C-alpha atoms as a PDB file:
ATOM      1  CA  MET A   1      38.356 144.818  26.875  1.00  0.00           C
ATOM      2  CA  PRO A   2      41.740 145.043  25.560  1.00  0.00           C
ATOM      3  CA  LEU A   3      41.954 147.920  22.637  1.00  0.00           C
ATOM      4  CA  PRO A   4      43.571 146.859  19.854  1.00  0.00           C
ATOM      5  CA  PRO A   5      46.812 146.903  18.844  1.00  0.00           C
ATOM      6  CA  PRO A   6      46.455 149.909  16.520  1.00  0.00           C
ATOM      7  CA  LEU A   7      44.636 151.457  18.238  1.00  0.00           C
ATOM      8  CA  ASN A   8      46.498 151.205  21.678  1.00  0.00           C
ATOM      9  CA  LEU A   9      49.360 152.571  19.555  1.00  0.00           C
ATOM     10  CA  ARG A  10      48.016 155.611  17.947  1.00  0.00           C
ATOM     11  CA  LEU A  11      46.308 156.282  21.716  1.00  0.00           C
ATOM     12  CA  LEU A  12      49.487 155.694  23.979  1.00  0.00           C
ATOM     13  CA  THR A  13      51.097 158.168  20.726  1.00  0.00           C
ATOM     14  CA  THR A  14      48.930 160.520  21.579  1.00  0.00           C
ATOM     15  CA  PHE A  15      48.538 160.692  24.797  1.00  0.00           C
ATOM     16  CA  ALA A  16      52.728 160.858  25.207  1.00  0.00           C
ATOM     17  CA  LEU A  17      52.753 163.934  22.650  1.00  0.00           C
ATOM     18  CA  ILE A  18      50.340 165.601  25.228  1.00  0.00           C
ATOM     19  CA  CYS A  19      52.579 164.698  27.624  1.00  0.00           C
ATOM     20  CA  ALA A  20      55.758 166.096  25.596  1.00  0.00           C
ATOM     21  CA  VAL A  21      54.260 169.273  25.468  1.00  0.00           C
ATOM     22  CA  THR A  22      52.964 170.033  28.478  1.00  0.00           C
ATOM     23  CA  GLY A  23      55.088 168.119  30.780  1.00  0.00           C
ATOM     24  CA  LEU A  24      53.160 166.662  33.449  1.00  0.00           C
ATOM     25  CA  SER A  25      53.994 164.200  35.835  1.00  0.00           C
ATOM     26  CA  SER A  26      50.303 163.257  36.174  1.00  0.00           C
ATOM     27  CA  CYS A  27      49.999 163.019  32.325  1.00  0.00           C
ATOM     28  CA  ALA A  28      52.929 160.785  32.195  1.00  0.00           C
ATOM     29  CA  SER A  29      52.650 158.707  35.340  1.00  0.00           C
ATOM     30  CA  TYR A  30      48.792 157.927  34.133  1.00  0.00           C
ATOM     31  CA  LEU A  31      50.339 156.615  30.409  1.00  0.00           C
ATOM     32  CA  THR A  32      52.495 154.463  32.595  1.00  0.00           C
ATOM     33  CA  SER A  33      49.877 152.656  34.422  1.00  0.00           C
ATOM     34  CA  THR A  34      47.301 152.478  32.120  1.00  0.00           C
ATOM     35  CA  PHE A  35      49.107 151.732  29.305  1.00  0.00           C
ATOM     36  CA  VAL A  36      53.011 151.398  29.200  1.00  0.00           C
ATOM     37  CA  GLU A  37      53.389 149.283  32.256  1.00  0.00           C
ATOM     38  CA  PRO A  38      50.124 146.543  30.683  1.00  0.00           C
ATOM     39  CA  ALA A  39      52.231 146.693  27.415  1.00  0.00           C
ATOM     40  CA  VAL A  40      55.642 145.798  29.063  1.00  0.00           C
ATOM     41  CA  GLY A  41      53.451 142.855  30.753  1.00  0.00           C
ATOM     42  CA  ASN A  42      52.488 141.242  27.517  1.00  0.00           C
ATOM     43  CA  LEU A  43      56.241 142.412  25.738  1.00  0.00           C
ATOM     44  CA  ARG A  44      57.407 139.337  28.572  1.00  0.00           C
ATOM     45  CA  GLN A  45      54.967 137.507  27.931  1.00  0.00           C
ATOM     46  CA  GLN A  46      55.193 137.000  24.187  1.00  0.00           C
ATOM     47  CA  THR A  47      57.161 133.881  22.925  1.00  0.00           C
ATOM     48  CA  ASP A  48      57.576 134.398  19.198  1.00  0.00           C
ATOM     49  CA  LEU A  49      60.410 135.988  19.699  1.00  0.00           C
ATOM     50  CA  GLU A  50      60.407 137.350  15.673  1.00  0.00           C
ATOM     51  CA  LEU A  51      57.435 139.264  16.499  1.00  0.00           C
ATOM     52  CA  VAL A  52      59.802 141.151  19.454  1.00  0.00           C
ATOM     53  CA  CYS A  53      62.292 142.050  17.591  1.00  0.00           C
ATOM     54  CA  GLU A  54      60.435 143.187  14.718  1.00  0.00           C
ATOM     55  CA  GLY A  55      57.356 145.045  17.065  1.00  0.00           C
ATOM     56  CA  ALA A  56      58.962 146.398  20.371  1.00  0.00           C
ATOM     57  CA  PRO A  57      60.606 149.175  18.623  1.00  0.00           C
ATOM     58  CA  ALA A  58      57.363 151.439  18.332  1.00  0.00           C
ATOM     59  CA  TYR A  59      56.479 151.185  22.248  1.00  0.00           C
ATOM     60  CA  LEU A  60      60.288 151.664  22.969  1.00  0.00           C
ATOM     61  CA  LEU A  61      59.646 154.748  20.879  1.00  0.00           C
ATOM     62  CA  MET A  62      56.825 156.072  23.060  1.00  0.00           C
ATOM     63  CA  ILE A  63      58.786 154.615  26.647  1.00  0.00           C
ATOM     64  CA  ASP A  64      61.590 157.286  25.149  1.00  0.00           C
ATOM     65  CA  SER A  65      59.333 160.307  24.225  1.00  0.00           C
ATOM     66  CA  MET A  66      57.450 159.787  28.095  1.00  0.00           C
ATOM     67  CA  ILE A  67      61.085 159.751  29.904  1.00  0.00           C
ATOM     68  CA  ALA A  68      61.621 163.012  28.094  1.00  0.00           C
ATOM     69  CA  SER A  69      58.905 164.729  29.229  1.00  0.00           C
ATOM     70  CA  SER A  70      59.694 163.090  32.367  1.00  0.00           C
ATOM     71  CA  PRO A  71      63.331 162.306  33.012  1.00  0.00           C
ATOM     72  CA  GLU A  72      63.248 161.355  36.604  1.00  0.00           C
ATOM     73  CA  ASN A  73      59.959 159.336  37.209  1.00  0.00           C
ATOM     74  CA  ARG A  74      61.376 156.945  39.176  1.00  0.00           C
ATOM     75  CA  ASN A  75      58.223 154.441  37.616  1.00  0.00           C
ATOM     76  CA  LEU A  76      59.058 155.230  33.807  1.00  0.00           C
ATOM     77  CA  LEU A  77      62.978 154.893  34.166  1.00  0.00           C
ATOM     78  CA  ARG A  78      62.034 150.923  35.722  1.00  0.00           C
ATOM     79  CA  THR A  79      60.432 149.844  32.940  1.00  0.00           C
ATOM     80  CA  GLY A  80      62.636 151.749  30.528  1.00  0.00           C
ATOM     81  CA  THR A  81      65.439 149.519  31.657  1.00  0.00           C
ATOM     82  CA  GLN A  82      63.118 146.942  31.882  1.00  0.00           C
ATOM     83  CA  SER A  83      62.007 147.541  28.302  1.00  0.00           C
ATOM     84  CA  TYR A  84      65.412 147.845  26.452  1.00  0.00           C
ATOM     85  CA  SER A  85      67.231 145.161  28.815  1.00  0.00           C
ATOM     86  CA  ALA A  86      64.627 142.414  27.475  1.00  0.00           C
ATOM     87  CA  TYR A  87      64.773 143.747  23.636  1.00  0.00           C
ATOM     88  CA  SER A  88      68.613 143.435  24.080  1.00  0.00           C
ATOM     89  CA  THR A  89      68.322 140.114  25.249  1.00  0.00           C
ATOM     90  CA  ALA A  90      65.823 138.890  22.128  1.00  0.00           C
ATOM     91  CA  LEU A  91      67.921 141.212  20.104  1.00  0.00           C
ATOM     92  CA  SER A  92      70.737 138.939  20.464  1.00  0.00           C
ATOM     93  CA  GLU A  93      68.803 135.308  19.676  1.00  0.00           C
ATOM     94  CA  CYS A  94      67.296 137.368  16.687  1.00  0.00           C
ATOM     95  CA  GLY A  95      70.608 137.659  14.818  1.00  0.00           C
ATOM     96  CA  LYS A  96      70.551 141.430  15.056  1.00  0.00           C
ATOM     97  CA  SER A  97      74.244 143.504  13.999  1.00  0.00           C
ATOM     98  CA  ASP A  98      75.956 143.560  17.074  1.00  0.00           C
ATOM     99  CA  LEU A  99      75.631 147.743  16.239  1.00  0.00           C
ATOM    100  CA  ARG A 100      72.437 147.293  17.087  1.00  0.00           C
ATOM    101  CA  ILE A 101      72.123 145.260  20.317  1.00  0.00           C
ATOM    102  CA  THR A 102      74.733 147.690  21.502  1.00  0.00           C
ATOM    103  CA  ALA A 103      73.225 150.693  21.224  1.00  0.00           C
ATOM    104  CA  ILE A 104      70.362 148.978  23.115  1.00  0.00           C
ATOM    105  CA  THR A 105      72.094 148.016  25.742  1.00  0.00           C
ATOM    106  CA  ASP A 106      73.045 151.350  25.996  1.00  0.00           C
ATOM    107  CA  LYS A 107      70.225 153.050  26.696  1.00  0.00           C
ATOM    108  CA  ALA A 108      69.222 150.335  29.136  1.00  0.00           C
ATOM    109  CA  HIS A 109      72.115 152.117  30.943  1.00  0.00           C
ATOM    110  CA  LEU A 110      71.411 154.834  30.343  1.00  0.00           C
ATOM    111  CA  TYR A 111      68.191 154.787  32.369  1.00  0.00           C
ATOM    112  CA  GLY A 112      69.754 152.195  34.399  1.00  0.00           C
ATOM    113  CA  THR A 113      72.616 154.408  35.983  1.00  0.00           C
ATOM    114  CA  ARG A 114      69.560 157.418  35.839  1.00  0.00           C
ATOM    115  CA  LEU A 115      66.912 155.622  37.893  1.00  0.00           C
ATOM    116  CA  LEU A 116      70.281 153.750  40.094  1.00  0.00           C
ATOM    117  CA  ASN A 117      71.063 157.954  41.120  1.00  0.00           C
ATOM    118  CA  GLN A 118      67.883 158.254  42.385  1.00  0.00           C
ATOM    119  CA  PHE A 119      68.604 156.244  45.274  1.00  0.00           C
ATOM    120  CA  LEU A 120      73.146 155.715  45.300  1.00  0.00           C
ATOM    121  CA  PRO A 121      75.684 158.331  44.988  1.00  0.00           C
ATOM    122  CA  LEU A 122      76.931 156.995  41.608  1.00  0.00           C
ATOM    123  CA  ASP A 123      79.239 160.036  40.815  1.00  0.00           C
ATOM    124  CA  ASP A 124      81.624 158.651  44.249  1.00  0.00           C
ATOM    125  CA  MET A 125      80.948 155.251  44.572  1.00  0.00           C
ATOM    126  CA  SER A 126      83.745 154.782  46.675  1.00  0.00           C
ATOM    127  CA  GLY A 127      83.098 156.802  49.147  1.00  0.00           C
ATOM    128  CA  GLU A 128      81.620 156.830  52.930  1.00  0.00           C
ATOM    129  CA  GLU A 129      78.000 158.670  51.479  1.00  0.00           C
ATOM    130  CA  PHE A 130      77.370 155.488  48.715  1.00  0.00           C
ATOM    131  CA  SER A 131      78.327 152.065  51.460  1.00  0.00           C
ATOM    132  CA  LYS A 132      75.750 154.736  54.284  1.00  0.00           C
ATOM    133  CA  ARG A 133      72.917 155.118  51.323  1.00  0.00           C
ATOM    134  CA  LEU A 134      73.219 151.138  49.967  1.00  0.00           C
ATOM    135  CA  SER A 135      72.864 150.751  54.117  1.00  0.00           C
ATOM    136  CA  LYS A 136      69.738 151.930  54.088  1.00  0.00           C
ATOM    137  CA  LEU A 137      67.926 151.056  51.219  1.00  0.00           C
ATOM    138  CA  THR A 138      65.232 149.258  52.146  1.00  0.00           C
ATOM    139  CA  LYS A 139      62.936 146.457  50.864  1.00  0.00           C
ATOM    140  CA  ASN A 140      60.629 148.781  48.998  1.00  0.00           C
ATOM    141  CA  ASP A 141      63.827 150.551  46.704  1.00  0.00           C
ATOM    142  CA  VAL A 142      64.637 146.211  45.801  1.00  0.00           C
ATOM    143  CA  PRO A 143      62.540 146.937  42.343  1.00  0.00           C
ATOM    144  CA  PHE A 144      63.662 150.171  41.015  1.00  0.00           C
ATOM    145  CA  VAL A 145      67.342 149.682  42.245  1.00  0.00           C
ATOM    146  CA  PHE A 146      67.019 145.709  40.619  1.00  0.00           C
ATOM    147  CA  TRP A 147      66.308 147.366  37.170  1.00  0.00           C
ATOM    148  CA  GLY A 148      68.276 150.098  37.722  1.00  0.00           C
ATOM    149  CA  THR A 149      71.408 147.307  38.040  1.00  0.00           C
ATOM    150  CA  PHE A 150      70.371 145.271  36.388  1.00  0.00           C
ATOM    151  CA  GLY A 151      70.062 148.096  32.444  1.00  0.00           C
ATOM    152  CA  TRP A 152      73.772 148.305  33.795  1.00  0.00           C
ATOM    153  CA  ILE A 153      74.565 144.334  33.533  1.00  0.00           C
ATOM    154  CA  SER A 154      73.114 144.188  30.218  1.00  0.00           C
ATOM    155  CA  TRP A 155      75.608 147.066  29.303  1.00  0.00           C
ATOM    156  CA  VAL A 156      78.328 145.274  31.292  1.00  0.00           C
ATOM    157  CA  GLN A 157      77.339 141.583  29.621  1.00  0.00           C
ATOM    158  CA  ASN A 158      77.945 143.648  25.829  1.00  0.00           C
ATOM    159  CA  GLN A 159      81.345 145.232  26.167  1.00  0.00           C
ATOM    160  CA  ALA A 160      83.013 141.672  26.581  1.00  0.00           C
ATOM    161  CA  GLY A 161      85.460 141.914  28.887  1.00  0.00           C
ATOM    162  CA  SER A 162      86.527 145.876  28.240  1.00  0.00           C
ATOM    163  CA  PRO A 163      88.895 146.943  31.479  1.00  0.00           C
ATOM    164  CA  ALA A 164      85.611 149.652  32.163  1.00  0.00           C
ATOM    165  CA  SER A 165      82.978 147.086  32.821  1.00  0.00           C
ATOM    166  CA  MET A 166      85.474 144.996  34.648  1.00  0.00           C
ATOM    167  CA  ALA A 167      85.323 148.006  37.226  1.00  0.00           C
ATOM    168  CA  ASP A 168      81.912 148.108  37.341  1.00  0.00           C
ATOM    169  CA  LEU A 169      81.593 144.956  37.992  1.00  0.00           C
ATOM    170  CA  VAL A 170      82.719 145.877  41.689  1.00  0.00           C
ATOM    171  CA  ILE A 171      80.119 148.204  42.188  1.00  0.00           C
ATOM    172  CA  ILE A 172      77.383 145.973  41.292  1.00  0.00           C
ATOM    173  CA  GLU A 173      78.744 142.943  42.905  1.00  0.00           C
ATOM    174  CA  LYS A 174      78.085 145.668  46.123  1.00  0.00           C
ATOM    175  CA  ILE A 175      74.465 146.202  45.177  1.00  0.00           C
ATOM    176  CA  MET A 176      73.390 143.672  44.445  1.00  0.00           C
ATOM    177  CA  SER A 177      74.971 141.342  47.651  1.00  0.00           C
ATOM    178  CA  ARG A 178      72.593 144.259  49.604  1.00  0.00           C
ATOM    179  CA  LEU A 179      69.710 143.213  47.707  1.00  0.00           C
ATOM    180  CA  LEU A 180      70.218 139.945  48.829  1.00  0.00           C
ATOM    181  CA  GLU A 181      69.749 140.434  51.860  1.00  0.00           C
ATOM    182  CA  LEU A 182      66.995 142.649  51.051  1.00  0.00           C
ATOM    183  CA  ASP A 183      64.680 140.286  49.781  1.00  0.00           C
ATOM    184  CA  ASP A 184      66.873 137.800  47.390  1.00  0.00           C
ATOM    185  CA  GLY A 185      63.074 135.903  45.943  1.00  0.00           C
ATOM    186  CA  TYR A 186      62.980 138.775  43.507  1.00  0.00           C
ATOM    187  CA  GLU A 187      62.292 138.002  40.150  1.00  0.00           C
ATOM    188  CA  GLY A 188      62.321 133.985  40.614  1.00  0.00           C
ATOM    189  CA  GLY A 189      65.786 134.155  42.420  1.00  0.00           C
ATOM    190  CA  SER A 190      67.377 136.728  40.004  1.00  0.00           C
ATOM    191  CA  ILE A 191      69.770 137.959  42.586  1.00  0.00           C
ATOM    192  CA  HIS A 192      71.140 134.876  42.813  1.00  0.00           C
ATOM    193  CA  LEU A 193      71.586 134.044  39.672  1.00  0.00           C
ATOM    194  CA  PHE A 194      73.801 136.632  39.231  1.00  0.00           C
ATOM    195  CA  PHE A 195      75.930 135.408  41.888  1.00  0.00           C
ATOM    196  CA  GLY A 196      75.811 131.910  40.135  1.00  0.00           C
ATOM    197  CA  GLY A 197      77.046 133.808  36.811  1.00  0.00           C
ATOM    198  CA  TYR A 198      79.616 135.750  38.937  1.00  0.00           C
ATOM    199  CA  HIS A 199      81.075 133.006  40.631  1.00  0.00           C
ATOM    200  CA  ALA A 200      81.209 131.119  38.361  1.00  0.00           C
ATOM    201  CA  ALA A 201      82.776 133.240  35.620  1.00  0.00           C
ATOM    202  CA  LYS A 202      85.700 134.081  37.837  1.00  0.00           C
ATOM    203  CA  PRO A 203      89.004 132.118  37.658  1.00  0.00           C
ATOM    204  CA  ALA A 204      89.795 130.694  41.414  1.00  0.00           C
ATOM    205  CA  LEU A 205      92.892 132.775  41.151  1.00  0.00           C
ATOM    206  CA  PHE A 206      90.908 135.877  41.226  1.00  0.00           C
ATOM    207  CA  GLY A 207      88.493 134.389  43.925  1.00  0.00           C
ATOM    208  CA  GLY A 208      86.143 132.551  41.475  1.00  0.00           C
ATOM    209  CA  ARG A 209      83.801 130.495  44.123  1.00  0.00           C
ATOM    210  CA  PRO A 210      82.636 127.072  42.664  1.00  0.00           C
ATOM    211  CA  ASP A 211      81.138 125.732  45.589  1.00  0.00           C
ATOM    212  CA  LEU A 212      79.366 128.936  46.023  1.00  0.00           C
ATOM    213  CA  SER A 213      78.076 129.324  42.604  1.00  0.00           C
ATOM    214  CA  LYS A 214      75.994 126.032  42.598  1.00  0.00           C
ATOM    215  CA  THR A 215      74.497 127.249  46.416  1.00  0.00           C
ATOM    216  CA  HIS A 216      73.422 130.400  44.513  1.00  0.00           C
ATOM    217  CA  PHE A 217      72.279 128.913  41.530  1.00  0.00           C
ATOM    218  CA  GLU A 218      70.903 125.853  43.164  1.00  0.00           C
ATOM    219  CA  LYS A 219      69.050 128.538  45.496  1.00  0.00           C
ATOM    220  CA  ALA A 220      67.847 129.861  41.973  1.00  0.00           C
ATOM    221  CA  LEU A 221      65.933 127.045  41.030  1.00  0.00           C
ATOM    222  CA  VAL A 222      63.918 126.567  44.452  1.00  0.00           C
ATOM    223  CA  LEU A 223      62.887 130.495  44.423  1.00  0.00           C
ATOM    224  CA  SER A 224      61.936 130.043  41.120  1.00  0.00           C
ATOM    225  CA  LYS A 225      60.527 126.110  41.034  1.00  0.00           C
ATOM    226  CA  ARG A 226      61.938 126.136  38.473  1.00  0.00           C
ATOM    227  CA  ARG A 227      60.149 127.670  36.318  1.00  0.00           C
ATOM    228  CA  PHE A 228      62.464 130.957  35.197  1.00  0.00           C
ATOM    229  CA  LEU A 229      64.898 128.938  32.760  1.00  0.00           C
ATOM    230  CA  LEU A 230      67.237 131.211  32.377  1.00  0.00           C
ATOM    231  CA  ILE A 231      68.689 130.321  35.562  1.00  0.00           C
ATOM    232  CA  GLN A 232      69.118 126.538  34.528  1.00  0.00           C
ATOM    233  CA  THR A 233      70.338 127.473  30.785  1.00  0.00           C
ATOM    234  CA  THR A 234      73.304 129.916  33.332  1.00  0.00           C
ATOM    235  CA  TYR A 235      74.001 126.470  35.412  1.00  0.00           C
ATOM    236  CA  ALA A 236      74.956 124.941  31.957  1.00  0.00           C
ATOM    237  CA  ALA A 237      76.516 127.412  30.558  1.00  0.00           C
ATOM    238  CA  THR A 238      78.481 128.396  33.298  1.00  0.00           C
ATOM    239  CA  LEU A 239      79.382 126.473  36.273  1.00  0.00           C
ATOM    240  CA  ALA A 240      78.812 122.824  34.567  1.00  0.00           C
ATOM    241  CA  ARG A 241      80.942 123.643  31.967  1.00  0.00           C
ATOM    242  CA  GLN A 242      83.825 124.939  33.906  1.00  0.00           C
ATOM    243  CA  THR A 243      83.294 122.027  36.041  1.00  0.00           C
ATOM    244  CA  GLN A 244      83.708 119.674  33.085  1.00  0.00           C
ATOM    245  CA  ASP A 245      80.106 118.585  34.603  1.00  0.00           C
ATOM    246  CA  LYS A 246      78.205 116.857  31.264  1.00  0.00           C
ATOM    247  CA  GLU A 247      75.565 115.316  33.192  1.00  0.00           C
ATOM    248  CA  LEU A 248      74.732 118.026  34.896  1.00  0.00           C
ATOM    249  CA  HIS A 249      74.607 120.409  31.680  1.00  0.00           C
ATOM    250  CA  ASP A 250      72.772 118.211  29.963  1.00  0.00           C
ATOM    251  CA  ARG A 251      70.041 117.008  32.290  1.00  0.00           C
ATOM    252  CA  LEU A 252      69.679 121.108  33.186  1.00  0.00           C
ATOM    253  CA  LEU A 253      69.362 121.410  28.649  1.00  0.00           C
ATOM    254  CA  GLN A 254      66.952 118.959  28.706  1.00  0.00           C
ATOM    255  CA  GLU A 255      64.670 120.436  31.317  1.00  0.00           C
ATOM    256  CA  VAL A 256      64.262 123.134  30.060  1.00  0.00           C
ATOM    257  CA  ILE A 257      63.969 122.126  26.108  1.00  0.00           C
ATOM    258  CA  SER A 258      60.829 119.539  27.713  1.00  0.00           C
ATOM    259  CA  PHE A 259      59.724 122.622  29.541  1.00  0.00           C
ATOM    260  CA  PRO A 260      56.035 123.777  28.112  1.00  0.00           C
ATOM    261  CA  ILE A 261      56.183 127.589  28.220  1.00  0.00           C
ATOM    262  CA  ASP A 262      52.502 128.263  28.854  1.00  0.00           C
ATOM    263  CA  SER A 263      53.088 127.086  32.125  1.00  0.00           C
ATOM    264  CA  ALA A 264      54.867 130.314  33.568  1.00  0.00           C
ATOM    265  CA  PRO A 265      53.336 132.652  31.545  1.00  0.00           C
ATOM    266  CA  GLU A 266      55.543 135.152  33.228  1.00  0.00           C
ATOM    267  CA  PHE A 267      58.703 134.154  32.471  1.00  0.00           C
ATOM    268  CA  ALA A 268      57.698 133.066  28.973  1.00  0.00           C
ATOM    269  CA  LEU A 269      59.632 135.066  26.392  1.00  0.00           C
ATOM    270  CA  SER A 270      62.909 134.830  29.041  1.00  0.00           C
ATOM    271  CA  ASN A 271      61.944 131.504  28.821  1.00  0.00           C
ATOM    272  CA  GLN A 272      61.496 130.945  24.714  1.00  0.00           C
ATOM    273  CA  ILE A 273      65.059 132.591  24.685  1.00  0.00           C
ATOM    274  CA  ALA A 274      66.369 130.206  26.883  1.00  0.00           C
ATOM    275  CA  VAL A 275      64.604 127.187  25.117  1.00  0.00           C
ATOM    276  CA  LYS A 276      66.668 128.443  22.331  1.00  0.00           C
ATOM    277  CA  LYS A 277      69.367 129.038  24.216  1.00  0.00           C
ATOM    278  CA  ALA A 278      69.582 125.517  25.164  1.00  0.00           C
ATOM    279  CA  ARG A 279      69.217 123.796  21.806  1.00  0.00           C
ATOM    280  CA  ARG A 280      72.698 125.948  21.033  1.00  0.00           C
ATOM    281  CA  LEU A 281      74.494 124.531  24.168  1.00  0.00           C
ATOM    282  CA  LEU A 282      73.561 120.751  23.529  1.00  0.00           C
ATOM    283  CA  GLU A 283      74.205 121.206  20.045  1.00  0.00           C
ATOM    284  CA  ASP A 284      78.006 122.699  20.266  1.00  0.00           C
ATOM    285  CA  ASP A 285      79.074 119.643  21.812  1.00  0.00           C
ATOM    286  CA  TYR A 286      81.210 120.664  23.397  1.00  0.00           C
ATOM    287  CA  PHE A 287      82.351 117.936  25.918  1.00  0.00           C
ATOM    288  CA  ALA A 288      83.759 116.046  22.540  1.00  0.00           C
ATOM    289  CA  GLU A 289      86.959 114.626  23.105  1.00  0.00           C
END
C-alpha cells in the first residue's frame, strides 16, 4: 500500500539527509528506486497543473539533496533532468514568471549536461573524440542520453533564440540524429517530435525542410498511437501554421481537446498541458484575414 504523501515526504527527507551526511551511493540508489522514481512517475501522471506547480518543489529539493550527495549518479541525474524539464513546462502553463521558469530550465540544463558528459565529451564537441564516442553509443544508452539532451533542449527553448543556444542546436541535432538511429520509438516518438519541430522552425533559406518535418511528425503520431498530445499541438503550432494549412491545424487541435486524458495515464501531465495549449492556439484565430 502506498504511504500517505506527508509520510512519504518525511521519510524521503530523512533518508536524503542520511545520504547527504554519509555520502553512500548505495543509499542514493535505494532512494531512487524506492521513492524518487515512483514519485516522478506519479508526477507525470498528474492532471492538476496547479497541484504540480505548487507541490513539485518539495520533491525537487529532495532530488537536489540526493544529487549533491551522489553527483555522478546516472539514475539520479536522469531523474533530476526529467523532473526539472517537466516542471518548467508545467510552470509556463501555470502563468509563472519568466524568471522562475528560467531558474528551472537552468537546473534542467545543469543536470542534463552533467549526465551527457558521462557519455560524450561536451568540452570538445567539434573534435574527433566526440564523433567517435557518439558513434559508439548503444540502445542501452538512449534513456540517459535522451533525457540529458532533453534537459539541454528545455534550456535552449527558454533562451528565445540567443546566439549561444542556436549554436548548441547544431550539437543537439547530431546527438538526436544518433538516438534516432538507435531507438526512434523511445518515449512515444519524442525524437521524431524533436525533428518535426526542428525542421519546421528553420526557414527554407537556412535548411528548413517542411517535407521532412511532416514525415517526422507523422511518424511520431504513429509511434505514439496518437496518445502523446504534445505531438499534435507542436505539429499544429509549427508546420501547420508555417504552411498555412488551417484544416490540418484545426483538426489536430480539436483532436487534442476531445482526447480522453484518462486513457493515456503515462502521458497525463503532458497531455493536460497540450489541451491547455490547444485551446489557446485555437483562440488565437491565427488564420483570420
